[in-house]
N, C-alpha and C. Protein backbone atom coordinates (compact mmCIF):
# COMPACT_ATOMS: atom_id res chain seq x y z
N UNK A 1 13.35 -2.69 -27.57
CA UNK A 1 12.99 -1.71 -26.91
C UNK A 1 12.24 -0.13 -27.72
N UNK A 2 11.88 0.61 -26.73
CA UNK A 2 10.45 1.33 -27.62
C UNK A 2 11.06 2.63 -26.91
N UNK A 3 10.74 3.73 -27.96
CA UNK A 3 11.27 4.80 -27.17
C UNK A 3 9.86 5.78 -27.79
N UNK A 4 9.27 6.02 -27.06
CA UNK A 4 8.06 7.02 -27.29
C UNK A 4 7.98 8.28 -26.64
N UNK A 5 7.43 9.16 -27.22
CA UNK A 5 7.04 10.46 -26.95
C UNK A 5 5.63 10.19 -25.78
N UNK A 6 5.79 11.42 -24.66
CA UNK A 6 4.47 11.49 -24.07
C UNK A 6 4.95 10.89 -22.41
N UNK A 7 6.30 10.88 -21.99
CA UNK A 7 6.37 10.62 -20.89
C UNK A 7 5.37 9.61 -19.72
N UNK A 8 5.32 10.07 -18.66
CA UNK A 8 4.67 9.11 -17.60
C UNK A 8 3.01 9.39 -18.06
N UNK A 9 2.73 10.80 -18.66
CA UNK A 9 1.02 10.99 -19.41
C UNK A 9 0.75 9.93 -20.18
N UNK A 10 2.00 9.07 -21.00
CA UNK A 10 1.59 8.07 -21.98
C UNK A 10 0.79 7.11 -21.40
N UNK A 11 1.41 6.82 -20.08
CA UNK A 11 0.94 5.70 -19.41
C UNK A 11 -0.47 5.69 -18.82
N UNK A 12 -0.99 6.74 -19.00
CA UNK A 12 -2.58 6.90 -18.49
C UNK A 12 -3.21 6.61 -19.41
N UNK A 13 -2.96 6.38 -21.04
CA UNK A 13 -3.69 5.51 -21.51
C UNK A 13 -3.13 4.06 -21.45
N UNK A 14 -1.74 3.57 -21.54
CA UNK A 14 -0.91 2.15 -21.92
C UNK A 14 -1.39 1.43 -20.67
N UNK A 15 -1.73 1.75 -19.57
CA UNK A 15 -2.24 1.20 -18.04
C UNK A 15 -3.66 0.71 -18.45
N UNK A 16 -4.59 1.03 -18.71
CA UNK A 16 -6.02 0.89 -18.85
C UNK A 16 -5.89 -0.09 -20.16
N UNK A 17 -5.56 -0.09 -20.98
CA UNK A 17 -5.16 -0.84 -22.35
C UNK A 17 -4.72 -2.01 -21.79
N UNK A 18 -3.97 -2.06 -20.94
CA UNK A 18 -3.19 -3.42 -20.84
C UNK A 18 -3.52 -4.07 -19.52
N UNK A 19 -4.50 -3.65 -18.56
CA UNK A 19 -4.74 -4.01 -17.42
C UNK A 19 -6.33 -4.20 -17.57
N UNK A 20 -7.12 -3.90 -18.17
CA UNK A 20 -8.79 -4.06 -18.36
C UNK A 20 -8.69 -5.32 -18.19
N UNK A 21 -8.48 -5.70 -19.37
CA UNK A 21 -8.53 -7.30 -19.70
C UNK A 21 -10.01 -7.71 -20.30
N UNK A 22 -10.64 -6.47 -20.79
CA UNK A 22 -11.83 -6.71 -21.52
C UNK A 22 -13.22 -6.84 -20.21
N UNK A 23 -12.91 -6.17 -19.16
CA UNK A 23 -13.40 -5.96 -17.77
C UNK A 23 -14.27 -4.47 -18.16
N UNK A 24 -13.70 -3.65 -18.65
CA UNK A 24 -14.12 -2.27 -18.87
C UNK A 24 -14.08 -1.47 -17.99
N UNK A 25 -13.76 -1.65 -16.34
CA UNK A 25 -13.94 -0.92 -15.03
C UNK A 25 -12.51 -0.79 -14.75
N UNK A 26 -12.53 0.30 -14.08
CA UNK A 26 -11.27 0.10 -12.79
C UNK A 26 -11.45 1.73 -12.16
N UNK A 27 -10.83 1.68 -11.08
CA UNK A 27 -11.55 2.54 -9.72
C UNK A 27 -10.29 3.37 -9.66
N UNK A 28 -10.18 4.65 -9.26
CA UNK A 28 -9.06 5.69 -9.22
C UNK A 28 -9.46 6.06 -7.70
N UNK A 29 -8.12 6.33 -7.14
CA UNK A 29 -7.89 7.17 -6.30
C UNK A 29 -7.53 8.58 -6.25
N UNK A 30 -8.14 9.77 -6.07
CA UNK A 30 -7.80 11.11 -6.61
C UNK A 30 -6.75 11.82 -5.09
N UNK A 31 -5.41 11.58 -5.53
CA UNK A 31 -4.57 12.36 -4.52
C UNK A 31 -3.81 13.30 -5.08
N UNK A 32 -4.14 13.74 -6.18
CA UNK A 32 -3.86 15.03 -6.67
C UNK A 32 -3.81 15.57 -8.14
N UNK A 33 -3.19 16.45 -8.54
CA UNK A 33 -3.09 16.96 -9.97
C UNK A 33 -2.70 15.46 -11.04
N UNK A 34 -1.91 14.90 -10.21
CA UNK A 34 -1.41 13.43 -11.64
C UNK A 34 -2.33 12.73 -11.85
N UNK A 35 -3.06 12.41 -10.57
CA UNK A 35 -4.56 11.21 -10.66
C UNK A 35 -5.57 11.94 -11.18
N UNK A 36 -5.57 12.99 -11.41
CA UNK A 36 -6.70 13.95 -11.79
C UNK A 36 -6.60 13.62 -13.74
N UNK A 37 -5.32 14.10 -13.77
CA UNK A 37 -5.03 13.44 -15.09
C UNK A 37 -5.38 12.35 -16.27
N UNK A 38 -4.83 11.09 -14.85
CA UNK A 38 -5.18 9.93 -15.39
C UNK A 38 -6.54 9.81 -15.61
N UNK A 39 -7.53 10.38 -14.84
CA UNK A 39 -9.06 10.04 -14.89
C UNK A 39 -9.40 11.14 -16.09
N UNK A 40 -8.90 11.79 -16.31
CA UNK A 40 -9.32 12.58 -17.50
C UNK A 40 -8.99 11.58 -18.69
N UNK A 41 -8.05 10.92 -18.82
CA UNK A 41 -7.37 10.18 -20.00
C UNK A 41 -8.22 8.84 -19.88
N UNK A 42 -8.60 9.02 -18.55
CA UNK A 42 -9.29 7.19 -18.37
C UNK A 42 -10.56 7.31 -19.27
N UNK A 43 -11.23 8.86 -19.21
CA UNK A 43 -12.82 8.98 -19.58
C UNK A 43 -12.82 8.39 -21.17
N UNK A 44 -12.05 9.00 -21.89
CA UNK A 44 -11.53 8.72 -23.56
C UNK A 44 -11.94 6.92 -23.49
N UNK A 45 -11.04 6.01 -22.99
CA UNK A 45 -11.23 4.63 -22.97
C UNK A 45 -12.22 3.86 -22.43
N UNK A 46 -12.99 4.12 -21.13
CA UNK A 46 -13.95 3.41 -20.50
C UNK A 46 -14.05 3.70 -19.53
N UNK A 47 -15.21 2.71 -18.46
CA UNK A 47 -15.90 3.37 -17.58
C UNK A 47 -14.91 3.50 -16.43
N UNK A 48 -14.97 4.15 -15.57
CA UNK A 48 -14.07 4.35 -14.46
C UNK A 48 -14.74 4.77 -13.17
N UNK A 49 -14.59 4.39 -12.12
CA UNK A 49 -15.50 5.10 -10.54
C UNK A 49 -14.10 5.54 -9.92
N UNK A 50 -14.29 6.76 -8.68
CA UNK A 50 -13.45 7.00 -7.77
C UNK A 50 -13.82 6.56 -6.70
N UNK A 51 -12.85 5.84 -6.09
CA UNK A 51 -12.35 4.65 -4.74
C UNK A 51 -12.58 5.59 -3.47
N UNK A 52 -11.60 6.76 -3.91
CA UNK A 52 -11.38 7.97 -2.51
C UNK A 52 -11.23 9.22 -3.35
N UNK A 53 -11.14 10.23 -2.61
CA UNK A 53 -10.77 11.32 -2.95
C UNK A 53 -10.16 12.12 -2.14
N UNK A 54 -9.02 13.14 -2.03
CA UNK A 54 -8.35 14.08 -1.02
C UNK A 54 -8.54 15.34 -1.69
N UNK A 55 -9.73 15.51 -2.48
CA UNK A 55 -9.83 17.04 -3.23
C UNK A 55 -10.51 17.80 -2.13
N UNK A 56 -11.07 17.35 -1.34
CA UNK A 56 -11.92 18.40 -0.30
C UNK A 56 -10.83 19.19 0.56
N UNK A 57 -9.72 18.43 0.59
CA UNK A 57 -8.50 19.67 1.27
C UNK A 57 -7.59 19.80 0.29
N UNK A 58 -7.79 20.36 -0.77
CA UNK A 58 -6.71 20.65 -1.83
C UNK A 58 -5.58 19.23 -1.86
N UNK A 59 -6.25 18.32 -1.62
CA UNK A 59 -5.12 17.08 -2.14
C UNK A 59 -4.03 17.23 -0.61
N UNK A 60 -4.20 17.41 0.22
CA UNK A 60 -2.71 17.38 1.15
C UNK A 60 -2.99 16.31 2.46
N UNK A 61 -3.73 15.34 1.75
CA UNK A 61 -3.84 14.10 2.64
C UNK A 61 -4.15 12.79 1.95
N UNK A 62 -3.63 11.88 2.20
CA UNK A 62 -3.94 10.70 1.32
C UNK A 62 -5.62 9.68 2.07
N UNK A 63 -6.26 9.64 1.27
CA UNK A 63 -7.38 9.15 1.79
C UNK A 63 -7.11 7.65 2.19
N UNK A 64 -7.83 7.41 3.47
CA UNK A 64 -7.73 5.92 3.89
C UNK A 64 -9.10 5.16 4.05
N UNK A 65 -10.40 5.85 3.87
CA UNK A 65 -11.25 4.98 3.18
C UNK A 65 -11.48 5.01 2.00
N UNK A 66 -11.22 3.60 0.99
CA UNK A 66 -11.48 3.56 -0.35
C UNK A 66 -12.73 2.42 -0.68
N UNK A 67 -13.62 3.16 -1.43
CA UNK A 67 -14.63 1.83 -1.84
C UNK A 67 -14.34 1.45 -3.26
N UNK A 68 -13.70 0.32 -3.40
CA UNK A 68 -13.52 -0.50 -4.39
C UNK A 68 -14.32 -1.47 -5.20
N UNK A 69 -14.93 -1.11 -6.35
CA UNK A 69 -16.20 -2.00 -6.80
C UNK A 69 -15.17 -3.31 -7.17
N UNK A 70 -16.02 -4.53 -6.19
CA UNK A 70 -15.43 -5.96 -6.58
C UNK A 70 -15.02 -6.35 -8.19
N UNK A 71 -15.83 -5.28 -9.09
CA UNK A 71 -15.68 -6.23 -10.51
C UNK A 71 -14.72 -5.17 -11.02
N UNK A 72 -13.84 -4.27 -10.43
CA UNK A 72 -12.71 -3.41 -11.27
C UNK A 72 -11.65 -4.22 -11.47
N UNK A 73 -11.04 -3.95 -12.54
CA UNK A 73 -10.22 -4.56 -12.74
C UNK A 73 -8.77 -4.31 -12.47
N UNK A 74 -8.85 -2.81 -11.45
CA UNK A 74 -7.66 -2.45 -11.43
C UNK A 74 -7.89 -1.13 -10.61
N UNK A 75 -7.03 -0.97 -9.44
CA UNK A 75 -7.13 0.51 -8.88
C UNK A 75 -5.66 1.44 -9.30
N UNK A 76 -5.80 2.33 -9.41
CA UNK A 76 -5.02 3.60 -10.10
C UNK A 76 -4.78 4.27 -8.64
N UNK A 77 -3.57 4.59 -8.18
CA UNK A 77 -3.13 5.04 -7.00
C UNK A 77 -1.94 5.56 -7.24
N UNK A 78 -1.73 7.00 -7.12
CA UNK A 78 -0.60 7.52 -7.01
C UNK A 78 0.16 8.35 -5.80
N UNK A 79 0.87 7.77 -5.35
CA UNK A 79 1.44 7.82 -4.36
C UNK A 79 2.40 9.44 -3.86
N UNK A 80 2.74 9.47 -5.25
CA UNK A 80 3.71 10.74 -5.02
C UNK A 80 3.23 11.93 -5.91
N UNK A 81 2.50 12.91 -5.81
CA UNK A 81 2.22 13.83 -6.23
C UNK A 81 2.77 15.27 -6.20
N UNK A 82 3.78 15.53 -7.13
CA UNK A 82 5.01 16.22 -7.03
C UNK A 82 4.05 17.53 -7.44
N UNK A 83 3.28 17.77 -8.16
CA UNK A 83 2.63 19.24 -8.34
C UNK A 83 2.63 20.05 -7.00
N UNK A 84 1.49 19.18 -6.15
CA UNK A 84 1.58 20.18 -4.89
C UNK A 84 1.93 19.75 -3.64
N UNK A 85 3.26 18.76 -4.12
CA UNK A 85 4.21 18.71 -2.97
C UNK A 85 3.65 17.31 -2.05
N UNK A 86 2.84 16.73 -2.40
CA UNK A 86 2.17 15.60 -1.57
C UNK A 86 3.16 14.06 -1.51
N UNK A 87 3.92 13.80 -0.88
CA UNK A 87 4.34 12.42 -0.82
C UNK A 87 3.88 11.50 -0.09
N UNK A 88 3.34 10.71 -0.46
CA UNK A 88 2.78 9.59 0.21
C UNK A 88 3.75 8.31 0.74
N UNK A 89 4.65 8.31 0.11
CA UNK A 89 5.66 6.63 0.14
C UNK A 89 7.05 7.01 1.34
N UNK A 90 6.28 7.39 2.60
CA UNK A 90 6.81 7.28 3.49
C UNK A 90 6.96 6.44 4.38
């Protein structure tokens, strides 16, 4: 059992370190402030791409069209953006 300082934002660093497996690339879907924070943290670790974004309408919808790179190790998608109130998990 680990008790760590950092809460959910600590996972923004831990997830890439565990899922990259030497690939060095991951794609992110921007759905709000939490996903933007994840991208900001990711910049310090390795390369990333934006597969989709709803920032054009202030994160009021979930992007339907994603452009995921075939060599991406994983895709980060936050479906519950509590800061602006968007909950996509319906």
